C-alpha atoms as a PDB file:
ATOM      1  CA  MET A   1      -0.081  -0.078   0.022  1.00  0.00           C
ATOM      2  CA  PRO A   2       1.519   3.432  -0.751  1.00  0.00           C
ATOM      3  CA  ASP A   3       2.033   5.560   2.217  1.00  0.00           C
ATOM      4  CA  PHE A   4       1.654   9.355   2.882  1.00  0.00           C
ATOM      5  CA  HIS A   5       4.079  11.460   4.786  1.00  0.00           C
ATOM      6  CA  GLY A   6       2.260  13.647   7.105  1.00  0.00           C
ATOM      7  CA  VAL A   7      -0.322  16.419   6.786  1.00  0.00           C
ATOM      8  CA  ASN A   8       0.444  18.871   3.951  1.00  0.00           C
ATOM      9  CA  HIS A   9      -2.347  21.347   4.214  1.00  0.00           C
ATOM     10  CA  ILE A  10      -5.909  22.205   5.278  1.00  0.00           C
ATOM     11  CA  ALA A  11      -8.363  24.457   3.472  1.00  0.00           C
ATOM     12  CA  LEU A  12     -10.957  26.366   5.542  1.00  0.00           C
ATOM     13  CA  THR A  13     -13.962  28.160   4.235  1.00  0.00           C
ATOM     14  CA  VAL A  14     -14.134  31.514   6.063  1.00  0.00           C
ATOM     15  CA  ARG A  15     -16.436  34.527   6.346  1.00  0.00           C
ATOM     16  CA  ASP A  16     -14.054  37.236   6.036  1.00  0.00           C
ATOM     17  CA  LEU A  17     -10.598  36.660   4.271  1.00  0.00           C
ATOM     18  CA  ASP A  18      -8.779  39.749   5.863  1.00  0.00           C
ATOM     19  CA  VAL A  19     -10.016  38.793   9.432  1.00  0.00           C
ATOM     20  CA  SER A  20      -8.877  35.128   9.019  1.00  0.00           C
ATOM     21  CA  GLU A  21      -5.608  36.093   7.480  1.00  0.00           C
ATOM     22  CA  ARG A  22      -4.882  38.460  10.298  1.00  0.00           C
ATOM     23  CA  PHE A  23      -5.783  35.717  12.825  1.00  0.00           C
ATOM     24  CA  TYR A  24      -3.591  32.983  11.291  1.00  0.00           C
ATOM     25  CA  CYS A  25      -0.602  35.197  10.262  1.00  0.00           C
ATOM     26  CA  ASP A  26      -0.598  37.817  13.224  1.00  0.00           C
ATOM     27  CA  LEU A  27      -1.547  35.334  15.980  1.00  0.00           C
ATOM     28  CA  LEU A  28      -0.327  32.014  15.085  1.00  0.00           C
ATOM     29  CA  GLY A  29       2.767  32.855  13.033  1.00  0.00           C
ATOM     30  CA  PHE A  30       1.648  31.792   9.412  1.00  0.00           C
ATOM     31  CA  MET A  31       2.841  33.903   6.378  1.00  0.00           C
ATOM     32  CA  LEU A  32       0.782  34.808   3.428  1.00  0.00           C
ATOM     33  CA  ILE A  33       2.347  33.598   0.309  1.00  0.00           C
ATOM     34  CA  LEU A  34      -0.466  33.686  -2.290  1.00  0.00           C
ATOM     35  CA  ASP A  35      -3.564  35.656  -2.756  1.00  0.00           C
ATOM     36  CA  VAL A  36      -5.801  34.155  -5.524  1.00  0.00           C
ATOM     37  CA  GLY A  37      -8.776  36.502  -4.986  1.00  0.00           C
ATOM     38  CA  TYR A  38     -11.215  33.982  -3.562  1.00  0.00           C
ATOM     39  CA  GLY A  39      -8.526  32.474  -1.256  1.00  0.00           C
ATOM     40  CA  ARG A  40      -5.323  33.178   0.468  1.00  0.00           C
ATOM     41  CA  ILE A  41      -2.533  30.592   1.045  1.00  0.00           C
ATOM     42  CA  CYS A  42      -0.544  30.824   4.096  1.00  0.00           C
ATOM     43  CA  ILE A  43       2.276  28.833   5.399  1.00  0.00           C
ATOM     44  CA  HIS A  44       3.892  28.189   8.689  1.00  0.00           C
ATOM     45  CA  ARG A  45       7.534  28.364   7.750  1.00  0.00           C
ATOM     46  CA  ALA A  46       9.116  26.369  10.676  1.00  0.00           C
ATOM     47  CA  SER A  47       6.716  23.404  10.080  1.00  0.00           C
ATOM     48  CA  GLY A  48       5.943  23.696   6.454  1.00  0.00           C
ATOM     49  CA  PHE A  49       2.279  23.345   7.266  1.00  0.00           C
ATOM     50  CA  SER A  50      -0.062  25.441   5.115  1.00  0.00           C
ATOM     51  CA  ILE A  51      -3.569  26.723   5.381  1.00  0.00           C
ATOM     52  CA  ALA A  52      -5.783  27.766   2.587  1.00  0.00           C
ATOM     53  CA  LEU A  53      -8.360  30.420   3.625  1.00  0.00           C
ATOM     54  CA  LEU A  54     -11.175  30.356   1.182  1.00  0.00           C
ATOM     55  CA  ARG A  55     -14.144  32.515   0.453  1.00  0.00           C
ATOM     56  CA  PRO A  56     -16.097  30.775  -2.416  1.00  0.00           C
ATOM     57  CA  ASP A  57     -18.915  32.570  -4.271  1.00  0.00           C
ATOM     58  CA  GLY A  58     -22.184  31.740  -2.671  1.00  0.00           C
ATOM     59  CA  ALA A  59     -20.768  30.764   0.721  1.00  0.00           C
ATOM     60  CA  ASP A  60     -23.084  31.447   3.688  1.00  0.00           C
ATOM     61  CA  GLU A  61     -22.466  33.626   6.646  1.00  0.00           C
ATOM     62  CA  GLU A  62     -22.923  31.033   9.322  1.00  0.00           C
ATOM     63  CA  ARG A  63     -20.290  30.414  11.873  1.00  0.00           C
ATOM     64  CA  PHE A  64     -18.618  26.966  12.035  1.00  0.00           C
ATOM     65  CA  SER A  65     -20.135  24.371  14.036  1.00  0.00           C
ATOM     66  CA  PRO A  66     -18.466  21.065  15.352  1.00  0.00           C
ATOM     67  CA  LEU A  67     -21.847  19.558  15.493  1.00  0.00           C
ATOM     68  CA  HIS A  68     -22.243  19.252  11.794  1.00  0.00           C
ATOM     69  CA  THR A  69     -20.703  16.359   9.874  1.00  0.00           C
ATOM     70  CA  GLY A  70     -16.999  17.022   8.994  1.00  0.00           C
ATOM     71  CA  LEU A  71     -14.204  18.856  10.771  1.00  0.00           C
ATOM     72  CA  ASP A  72     -14.378  18.848  14.587  1.00  0.00           C
ATOM     73  CA  HIS A  73     -11.176  20.793  15.315  1.00  0.00           C
ATOM     74  CA  ILE A  74      -7.518  21.383  13.939  1.00  0.00           C
ATOM     75  CA  GLY A  75      -4.922  20.081  16.413  1.00  0.00           C
ATOM     76  CA  LEU A  76      -1.642  21.934  16.427  1.00  0.00           C
ATOM     77  CA  ALA A  77       1.655  20.572  18.051  1.00  0.00           C
ATOM     78  CA  ALA A  78       3.193  22.300  20.862  1.00  0.00           C
ATOM     79  CA  GLU A  79       6.564  21.380  22.507  1.00  0.00           C
ATOM     80  CA  SER A  80       5.582  21.388  26.146  1.00  0.00           C
ATOM     81  CA  ARG A  81       3.064  22.429  28.811  1.00  0.00           C
ATOM     82  CA  ASP A  82       5.243  25.470  29.472  1.00  0.00           C
ATOM     83  CA  GLU A  83       4.807  26.449  25.833  1.00  0.00           C
ATOM     84  CA  LEU A  84       1.011  26.076  26.268  1.00  0.00           C
ATOM     85  CA  VAL A  85       1.216  28.505  29.310  1.00  0.00           C
ATOM     86  CA  GLU A  86       3.021  30.930  26.940  1.00  0.00           C
ATOM     87  CA  TRP A  87       0.276  30.474  24.307  1.00  0.00           C
ATOM     88  CA  GLU A  88      -2.530  30.960  26.815  1.00  0.00           C
ATOM     89  CA  GLN A  89      -0.880  34.461  27.721  1.00  0.00           C
ATOM     90  CA  ARG A  90      -0.736  35.230  23.976  1.00  0.00           C
ATOM     91  CA  LEU A  91      -4.368  34.271  23.436  1.00  0.00           C
ATOM     92  CA  GLN A  92      -5.332  36.349  26.497  1.00  0.00           C
ATOM     93  CA  ASP A  93      -3.329  39.488  25.181  1.00  0.00           C
ATOM     94  CA  ALA A  94      -5.002  39.163  21.707  1.00  0.00           C
ATOM     95  CA  GLN A  95      -8.459  38.760  23.406  1.00  0.00           C
ATOM     96  CA  VAL A  96      -9.171  35.322  21.992  1.00  0.00           C
ATOM     97  CA  ALA A  97     -11.387  33.159  23.993  1.00  0.00           C
ATOM     98  CA  TYR A  98      -9.856  30.028  25.106  1.00  0.00           C
ATOM     99  CA  SER A  99     -10.375  27.302  27.584  1.00  0.00           C
ATOM    100  CA  PRO A 100      -7.721  26.823  30.295  1.00  0.00           C
ATOM    101  CA  ILE A 101      -5.053  24.237  29.771  1.00  0.00           C
ATOM    102  CA  GLN A 102      -6.231  20.779  30.394  1.00  0.00           C
ATOM    103  CA  ASP A 103      -3.897  18.035  31.827  1.00  0.00           C
ATOM    104  CA  MET A 104      -5.054  14.874  30.303  1.00  0.00           C
ATOM    105  CA  PRO A 105      -3.492  11.232  30.576  1.00  0.00           C
ATOM    106  CA  LEU A 106      -1.618  11.534  27.339  1.00  0.00           C
ATOM    107  CA  GLY A 107      -0.685  15.255  27.285  1.00  0.00           C
ATOM    108  CA  HIS A 108      -1.853  18.777  27.840  1.00  0.00           C
ATOM    109  CA  HIS A 109      -4.476  20.620  25.584  1.00  0.00           C
ATOM    110  CA  LEU A 110      -5.279  24.339  25.184  1.00  0.00           C
ATOM    111  CA  ASN A 111      -8.532  24.919  23.115  1.00  0.00           C
ATOM    112  CA  PHE A 112      -9.618  28.064  21.332  1.00  0.00           C
ATOM    113  CA  THR A 113     -11.378  29.233  18.283  1.00  0.00           C
ATOM    114  CA  ASP A 114     -10.658  31.227  15.075  1.00  0.00           C
ATOM    115  CA  PRO A 115     -12.864  34.251  14.151  1.00  0.00           C
ATOM    116  CA  ASP A 116     -15.267  31.857  12.215  1.00  0.00           C
ATOM    117  CA  GLY A 117     -15.562  29.648  15.337  1.00  0.00           C
ATOM    118  CA  ILE A 118     -13.389  26.863  13.796  1.00  0.00           C
ATOM    119  CA  ALA A 119     -12.128  24.885  16.910  1.00  0.00           C
ATOM    120  CA  LEU A 120      -8.273  24.838  17.348  1.00  0.00           C
ATOM    121  CA  GLU A 121      -6.259  23.090  19.826  1.00  0.00           C
ATOM    122  CA  LEU A 122      -2.682  23.215  20.918  1.00  0.00           C
ATOM    123  CA  GLN A 123      -1.567  19.906  22.261  1.00  0.00           C
ATOM    124  CA  ALA A 124       1.726  19.024  23.976  1.00  0.00           C
ATOM    125  CA  PRO A 125       2.378  15.436  24.779  1.00  0.00           C
ATOM    126  CA  ASN A 126       3.557  14.352  28.240  1.00  0.00           C
ATOM    127  CA  THR A 127       6.336  11.930  28.861  1.00  0.00           C
ATOM    128  CA  ILE A 128       4.071   8.850  28.547  1.00  0.00           C
ATOM    129  CA  PHE A 129       2.810   9.929  25.136  1.00  0.00           C
ATOM    130  CA  GLU A 130       6.128  10.877  23.968  1.00  0.00           C
ATOM    131  CA  ALA A 131       7.642   7.609  24.953  1.00  0.00           C
ATOM    132  CA  ALA A 132       4.701   5.920  23.147  1.00  0.00           C
ATOM    133  CA  LEU A 133       5.281   7.938  19.947  1.00  0.00           C
ATOM    134  CA  VAL A 134       8.942   6.936  19.819  1.00  0.00           C
ATOM    135  CA  GLU A 135       8.055   3.293  20.050  1.00  0.00           C
ATOM    136  CA  LEU A 136       5.301   3.596  17.594  1.00  0.00           C
ATOM    137  CA  ARG A 137       7.607   4.991  15.005  1.00  0.00           C
ATOM    138  CA  THR A 138       9.801   1.835  14.929  1.00  0.00           C
ATOM    139  CA  ASP A 139       9.156  -1.162  12.699  1.00  0.00           C
ATOM    140  CA  LEU A 140       6.961  -3.011  15.190  1.00  0.00           C
ATOM    141  CA  PRO A 141       4.330  -5.216  13.723  1.00  0.00           C
ATOM    142  CA  ASP A 142       0.834  -3.864  13.741  1.00  0.00           C
ATOM    143  CA  GLU A 143      -0.415  -6.294  16.144  1.00  0.00           C
ATOM    144  CA  VAL A 144       2.256  -5.355  18.563  1.00  0.00           C
ATOM    145  CA  VAL A 145       1.385  -1.697  18.297  1.00  0.00           C
ATOM    146  CA  ARG A 146      -2.263  -2.505  18.962  1.00  0.00           C
ATOM    147  CA  THR A 147      -1.276  -4.582  22.101  1.00  0.00           C
ATOM    148  CA  ARG A 148       1.152  -1.840  23.463  1.00  0.00           C
ATOM    149  CA  ALA A 149      -1.735   0.772  22.852  1.00  0.00           C
ATOM    150  CA  ALA A 150      -4.233  -1.457  24.799  1.00  0.00           C
ATOM    151  CA  GLU A 151      -1.645  -1.960  27.593  1.00  0.00           C
ATOM    152  CA  LEU A 152      -0.911   1.766  27.737  1.00  0.00           C
ATOM    153  CA  LEU A 153      -4.798   2.727  27.950  1.00  0.00           C
ATOM    154  CA  GLN A 154      -5.124  -0.067  30.532  1.00  0.00           C
ATOM    155  CA  THR A 155      -2.307   1.561  32.784  1.00  0.00           C
ATOM    156  CA  LEU A 156      -3.807   5.029  32.334  1.00  0.00           C
ATOM    157  CA  SER A 157      -7.219   3.871  33.249  1.00  0.00           C
ATOM    158  CA  THR A 158      -6.128   2.304  36.424  1.00  0.00           C
ATOM    159  CA  SER A 159      -3.867   5.121  37.527  1.00  0.00           C
ATOM    160  CA  PRO A 160      -5.743   8.402  37.310  1.00  0.00           C
ATOM    161  CA  GLY A 161      -3.710  11.537  37.773  1.00  0.00           C
ATOM    162  CA  SER A 162      -0.934  10.179  35.749  1.00  0.00           C
ATOM    163  CA  THR A 163      -0.447  13.143  33.573  1.00  0.00           C
ATOM    164  CA  GLY A 164       3.328  13.433  33.448  1.00  0.00           C
END
C-alpha cells in the first residue's frame, strides 16, 4: 500500500478573508504566500504546514459548528506544557477566547477558536505519550502496536492523575 508522509495542508472556508488572514498570520505565525482573490494561501515556515483560507462565491455567513458532519477541530503541536502557558498568555493578550489548559492522561491541551468559530487545539504530549510515539515510529508489527496501545490505555485507566 502506498504511504503518505504527514499532513500537507488544510483548506478552510471562512466568512472574511482579511480577518482570517490576520488571525492565522499575526496570532499563529503563518505567512501569506499567495492571494488568489477567492482565497489566500498561508504557510507556517518552521513546520511547512499550510492553510488555505477560502471564500467561495455563494458561501453562507454562518459560523462554524463542530456539531455538523465534517471537521471537529484542528490540532496543532506544541513542545511542552510550559509552551502552552505562553500560548495561553498570547491568546489572552489578543483577546481570543480559550479554555484553560487541560492536563489529560496523554498530554496537555489548550483549546480556542478562530474568528469563524473553527475549533483549534494546541496539544503538548507528556512523557508517557512521547515515549509511546517513539516506540510507534519503529518497525513493530501492527499487532504489537495494538497490544502496546491497549496496555497503555489500561495503565492510564487504572492510575488516574498520571499526567506526566
